[in-house]
Protein backbone atom coordinates (compact mmCIF):
# COMPACT_ATOMS: atom_id res chain seq x y z
CA UNK A 1 -147.87 -94.63 -136.61
CA UNK A 2 -148.70 -95.97 -132.99
CA UNK A 3 -150.22 -94.15 -130.24
CA UNK A 4 -147.96 -93.60 -127.31
CA UNK A 5 -144.56 -93.43 -129.19
CA UNK A 6 -144.54 -89.59 -128.84
CA UNK A 7 -146.23 -89.02 -132.05
CA UNK A 8 -150.02 -88.24 -133.21
CA UNK A 9 -151.74 -89.96 -136.00
CA UNK A 10 -153.54 -88.27 -138.86
CA UNK A 11 -157.11 -88.82 -137.33
CA UNK A 12 -156.31 -87.08 -133.83
CA UNK A 13 -154.75 -84.13 -135.75
CA UNK A 14 -157.99 -84.20 -138.18
CA UNK A 15 -160.35 -84.07 -135.14
CA UNK A 16 -158.53 -81.26 -133.34
CA UNK A 17 -158.75 -79.34 -136.44
CA UNK A 18 -162.29 -80.08 -137.24
CA UNK A 19 -163.19 -79.26 -133.59
CA UNK A 20 -161.09 -75.82 -133.70
CA UNK A 21 -163.00 -74.83 -137.04
CA UNK A 22 -166.61 -75.64 -135.67
CA UNK A 23 -165.55 -73.52 -132.54
CA UNK A 24 -164.11 -70.77 -134.50
CA UNK A 25 -167.28 -70.85 -136.81
CA UNK A 26 -169.72 -71.08 -133.94
CA UNK A 27 -168.23 -67.91 -131.89
CA UNK A 28 -167.77 -65.81 -134.87
CA UNK A 29 -171.28 -66.50 -136.43
CA UNK A 30 -172.66 -63.33 -135.17
CA UNK A 31 -169.91 -61.30 -136.48
CA UNK A 32 -170.25 -62.83 -140.07
CA UNK A 33 -173.70 -61.85 -140.38
CA UNK A 34 -174.37 -58.79 -142.36
CA UNK A 35 -177.33 -57.50 -140.47
CA UNK A 36 -178.23 -57.35 -136.69
CA UNK A 37 -179.67 -60.75 -135.48
CA UNK A 38 -181.68 -61.10 -132.16
CA UNK A 39 -183.09 -63.63 -130.08
CA UNK A 40 -186.88 -64.53 -130.26
CA UNK A 41 -188.80 -63.25 -127.03
CA UNK A 42 -189.21 -66.66 -125.85
CA UNK A 43 -185.62 -67.34 -125.70
CA UNK A 44 -185.08 -63.91 -123.84
CA UNK A 45 -187.38 -65.02 -121.24
CA UNK A 46 -185.84 -68.46 -120.98
CA UNK A 47 -182.36 -66.88 -120.29
CA UNK A 48 -183.72 -65.12 -117.18
CA UNK A 49 -184.41 -68.47 -115.52
CA UNK A 50 -180.99 -69.93 -116.66
CA UNK A 51 -179.03 -68.80 -113.85
CA UNK A 52 -181.18 -69.69 -111.19
CA UNK A 53 -181.74 -73.23 -112.69
CA UNK A 54 -178.18 -73.80 -112.99
CA UNK A 55 -177.10 -72.55 -109.31
CA UNK A 56 -180.14 -74.85 -108.15
CA UNK A 57 -178.79 -77.83 -109.94
CA UNK A 58 -175.42 -77.31 -108.38
CA UNK A 59 -176.60 -76.22 -104.63
CA UNK A 60 -179.58 -78.46 -103.91
CA UNK A 61 -178.10 -81.81 -104.54
CA UNK A 62 -175.23 -80.62 -101.92
CA UNK A 63 -177.56 -79.65 -99.48
CA UNK A 64 -179.94 -82.82 -99.52
CA UNK A 65 -177.47 -85.57 -100.30
CA UNK A 66 -174.32 -87.02 -98.70
CA UNK A 67 -172.26 -89.49 -100.85
CA UNK A 68 -175.16 -90.00 -103.44
CA UNK A 69 -177.73 -90.76 -100.73
CA UNK A 70 -180.29 -88.63 -99.44
CA UNK A 71 -179.60 -87.20 -95.92
CA UNK A 72 -181.30 -89.36 -93.50
CA UNK A 73 -181.30 -87.55 -90.34
CA UNK A 74 -182.26 -83.83 -89.05
CA UNK A 75 -178.72 -83.54 -87.69
CA UNK A 76 -177.23 -82.26 -90.53
CA UNK A 77 -175.86 -78.55 -90.32
CA UNK A 78 -176.29 -78.08 -94.14
CA UNK A 79 -180.15 -78.31 -93.87
CA UNK A 80 -180.14 -75.39 -90.97
CA UNK A 81 -177.69 -73.33 -92.56
CA UNK A 82 -179.67 -73.48 -96.02
CA UNK A 83 -182.98 -72.55 -94.17
CA UNK A 84 -181.23 -69.74 -92.19
CA UNK A 85 -179.69 -68.39 -95.61
CA UNK A 86 -182.97 -68.71 -97.36
CA UNK A 87 -184.83 -66.66 -94.67
CA UNK A 88 -182.28 -63.94 -94.43
CA UNK A 89 -182.40 -63.75 -98.33
CA UNK A 90 -186.29 -63.54 -98.22
CA UNK A 91 -186.12 -60.76 -95.43
CA UNK A 92 -183.16 -58.53 -96.70
CA UNK A 93 -182.61 -59.77 -100.34
CA UNK A 94 -178.84 -59.63 -99.67
CA UNK A 95 -176.78 -62.34 -101.14
CA UNK A 96 -173.66 -61.38 -99.07
CA UNK A 97 -175.88 -61.64 -95.85
CA UNK A 98 -177.00 -64.96 -97.08
CA UNK A 99 -173.76 -66.39 -97.16
CA UNK A 100 -172.90 -64.67 -93.81
CA UNK A 101 -175.81 -66.18 -92.04
CA UNK A 102 -175.74 -69.46 -93.64
CA UNK A 103 -172.22 -69.94 -92.53
CA UNK A 104 -172.79 -68.51 -89.24
CA UNK A 105 -175.32 -71.23 -88.54
CA UNK A 106 -173.09 -74.07 -90.19
CA UNK A 107 -170.13 -73.62 -88.79
CA UNK A 108 -171.16 -73.97 -85.04
CA UNK A 109 -173.45 -76.86 -85.77
CA UNK A 110 -170.73 -78.71 -87.93
CA UNK A 111 -167.46 -77.75 -85.89
CA UNK A 112 -169.03 -77.68 -82.39
CA UNK A 113 -171.72 -80.24 -82.36
CA UNK A 114 -169.95 -82.35 -85.04
CA UNK A 115 -173.03 -82.66 -87.24
């Protein structure tokens, strides 16, 4: 059978079935065991840092880079908004306030001054 003629060949079906089996096995692994299973202490400690690391990996490049290059000027509203938001967070420890303060700094600089 040829690809593109509306039919699926054997290998494509075999791969789909194989991936489905691996997914079901890995997701049901904890239910299959007959005794409780826990993570080691080092894994518990590492999981505490995972959300912060993931958020940093997404947010920091958006703040300091434009189209794949580092920001070359200080006239970028994102830099000032990030500093203001971080200051609010360290002062009040509120996530909603951090977003509001960051946007309150970002919007006038970006829309008003064109930064």
